[in-house]
Protein backbone atom coordinates (compact mmCIF):
# COMPACT_ATOMS: atom_id res chain seq x y z
CA MET A 1 -16.19 -10.94 -10.73
CA PRO A 2 -14.85 -13.62 -8.40
CA SER A 3 -14.68 -12.40 -4.82
CA ILE A 4 -11.57 -10.69 -3.55
CA LEU A 5 -10.24 -11.47 -0.10
CA ILE A 6 -8.36 -8.65 1.64
CA ARG A 7 -6.16 -9.93 4.46
CA ASP A 8 -2.97 -9.28 6.37
CA ALA A 9 0.08 -10.54 4.55
CA HIS A 10 2.00 -13.48 5.94
CA GLN A 11 5.53 -14.78 5.42
CA GLY A 12 4.55 -16.78 2.35
CA ASP A 13 3.38 -13.61 0.56
CA ILE A 14 6.69 -11.77 0.54
CA ASP A 15 8.02 -13.07 -2.79
CA ARG A 16 4.70 -12.48 -4.55
CA PHE A 17 4.38 -8.96 -3.14
CA VAL A 18 7.89 -8.12 -4.37
CA GLU A 19 6.96 -9.54 -7.77
CA LEU A 20 3.94 -7.21 -7.90
CA ILE A 21 6.15 -4.25 -7.01
CA THR A 22 8.54 -5.07 -9.86
CA LEU A 23 5.61 -5.16 -12.31
CA GLY A 24 4.79 -1.55 -11.38
CA ALA A 25 5.89 1.56 -13.25
CA LEU A 26 9.08 2.09 -11.25
CA GLY A 27 9.53 -1.30 -9.66
CA ALA A 28 11.89 -2.98 -12.11
CA SER A 29 14.30 -0.04 -11.94
CA VAL A 30 14.55 0.16 -8.14
CA GLU A 31 13.77 -3.32 -6.74
CA ARG A 32 16.17 -6.18 -6.21
CA SER A 33 14.02 -9.27 -5.90
CA ASP A 34 17.15 -11.35 -5.20
CA ASP A 35 17.71 -9.52 -1.88
CA ARG A 36 15.19 -11.60 0.08
CA ASP A 37 16.85 -10.91 3.44
CA SER A 38 16.12 -7.18 3.17
CA TYR A 39 12.48 -7.82 2.32
CA GLN A 40 12.21 -10.30 5.17
CA ALA A 41 13.67 -7.76 7.61
CA ALA A 42 11.17 -5.14 6.43
CA PHE A 43 8.29 -7.59 6.77
CA ASP A 44 9.38 -8.52 10.30
CA GLU A 45 9.54 -4.84 11.31
CA ILE A 46 6.10 -4.14 9.83
CA GLU A 47 4.68 -7.11 11.78
CA ARG A 48 6.04 -5.70 15.07
CA SER A 49 4.53 -2.26 14.50
CA PRO A 50 0.97 -0.93 14.29
CA SER A 51 1.52 -0.72 10.51
CA SER A 52 0.16 -3.36 8.14
CA LEU A 53 0.91 -5.05 4.89
CA LEU A 54 -2.42 -5.94 3.29
CA VAL A 55 -2.86 -8.21 0.29
CA ALA A 56 -5.71 -8.90 -2.09
CA GLU A 57 -6.27 -12.55 -2.94
CA LYS A 58 -8.26 -13.79 -5.92
CA ASP A 59 -8.67 -17.51 -6.49
CA SER A 60 -6.07 -18.14 -3.75
CA ILE A 61 -3.46 -16.02 -5.56
CA VAL A 62 -2.12 -12.70 -4.23
CA VAL A 63 -2.97 -10.17 -6.96
CA GLY A 64 -2.43 -6.90 -5.11
CA GLY A 65 -1.18 -5.32 -1.95
CA LEU A 66 -0.32 -2.17 -0.07
CA GLN A 67 1.47 -1.02 3.02
CA LEU A 68 -0.38 0.99 5.65
CA ILE A 69 2.19 2.90 7.72
CA VAL A 70 0.91 4.15 11.07
CA PHE A 71 2.87 6.76 13.01
CA ARG A 72 2.41 9.33 15.75
CA HIS A 73 3.57 12.93 15.65
CA LEU A 74 3.09 16.18 17.52
CA GLN A 75 0.37 17.59 15.26
CA TYR A 76 -3.27 17.02 16.17
CA ASN A 77 -2.47 16.56 19.87
CA GLY A 78 0.04 13.80 19.22
CA GLY A 79 -2.44 11.95 17.05
CA LEU A 80 -1.95 8.90 14.93
CA CYS A 81 -1.64 9.33 11.20
CA ALA A 82 -1.56 6.68 8.47
CA GLU A 83 0.13 6.69 5.09
CA LEU A 84 -0.51 4.40 2.15
CA GLU A 85 2.60 3.19 0.40
CA SER A 86 3.42 0.60 -2.26
CA VAL A 87 -0.10 0.22 -3.63
CA HIS A 88 0.15 -2.44 -6.35
CA VAL A 89 -2.31 -4.51 -8.35
CA HIS A 90 -1.23 -6.95 -11.04
CA PRO A 91 -1.35 -5.02 -14.36
CA ASP A 92 -3.65 -7.60 -16.00
CA LEU A 93 -6.22 -7.16 -13.22
CA ARG A 94 -6.42 -3.38 -12.86
CA GLY A 95 -9.85 -1.78 -13.19
CA GLN A 96 -11.62 -4.68 -11.45
CA GLY A 97 -12.02 -3.07 -8.03
CA ILE A 98 -9.07 -4.78 -6.40
CA GLY A 99 -7.15 -1.58 -5.69
CA GLY A 100 -10.29 0.06 -4.34
CA ALA A 101 -10.95 -2.86 -2.01
CA LEU A 102 -7.38 -2.63 -0.72
CA VAL A 103 -7.56 1.13 -0.18
CA GLU A 104 -10.92 0.95 1.59
CA ALA A 105 -9.70 -1.87 3.83
CA ALA A 106 -6.62 0.20 4.73
CA VAL A 107 -8.73 3.27 5.45
CA GLU A 108 -10.99 1.22 7.71
CA ARG A 109 -7.98 -0.26 9.49
CA ALA A 110 -6.61 3.27 10.08
CA ARG A 111 -10.01 4.37 11.42
CA ILE A 112 -10.13 1.44 13.85
CA LEU A 113 -6.61 2.28 15.06
CA GLY A 114 -7.75 5.84 15.80
CA CYS A 115 -5.88 7.63 13.03
CA TYR A 116 -7.15 11.12 12.26
CA ARG A 117 -5.94 11.08 8.64
CA VAL A 118 -4.77 8.79 5.85
CA GLN A 119 -2.35 10.33 3.40
CA LEU A 120 -0.33 9.21 0.40
CA THR A 121 1.92 10.44 -2.35
CA SER A 122 1.60 9.49 -6.01
CA ASN A 123 4.02 10.11 -8.84
CA SER A 124 3.07 13.38 -10.52
CA LYS A 125 2.91 11.67 -13.95
CA ARG A 126 0.37 9.02 -12.90
CA ASP A 127 -2.87 10.74 -13.83
CA ASN A 128 -4.91 7.51 -13.72
CA ALA A 129 -3.70 6.86 -10.19
CA HIS A 130 -4.66 10.41 -9.18
CA ARG A 131 -8.20 9.89 -10.47
CA PHE A 132 -8.34 6.56 -8.68
CA TYR A 133 -7.39 8.10 -5.30
CA GLU A 134 -9.80 10.99 -5.80
CA SER A 135 -12.57 8.49 -6.48
CA HIS A 136 -11.85 7.02 -3.05
CA GLY A 137 -12.21 10.32 -1.21
CA PHE A 138 -8.64 11.60 -1.28
CA THR A 139 -7.98 15.23 -2.17
CA GLN A 140 -4.82 16.71 -3.62
CA SER A 141 -4.07 19.14 -0.83
CA HIS A 142 -0.27 19.32 -0.84
CA LYS A 143 2.63 19.19 -3.24
CA GLY A 144 5.09 16.47 -2.27
CA PHE A 145 8.87 16.51 -2.45
CA LYS A 146 11.38 13.68 -2.17
CA ARG A 147 15.12 13.56 -1.94
CA LEU A 148 16.81 10.26 -2.77
CA LEU A 149 19.78 9.34 -0.60
């Protein structure tokens, strides 16, 4: 397998990252790739925060990415927590270790930042994703709820 480079996203990656999101199970139904200003604003906010947008690059092409959201709360003595969001790998390249490399890089980044936990939610119907996260040390410890606004 050609080597995969995991790096922080930069401005030039926004369109490709949005494209990867739209290729996902829910992406095409909720994303508006023509609304570049909104994605740019989100990218700018992520860059100003301790959070990260990581991408996986193969042969100089972005083939995956995820967002690592870092936040502080009152639990664990006001500790830092991290959440994985928008984990995407191009459908043609799944099963090649790209997602795992992204997740492990994000976990290491959270550790370096001093986070006490990394958490995530995954659609209840995505059994393959659940097995993937479990294979990377995550446990299903809670039942998640969402309310769309």
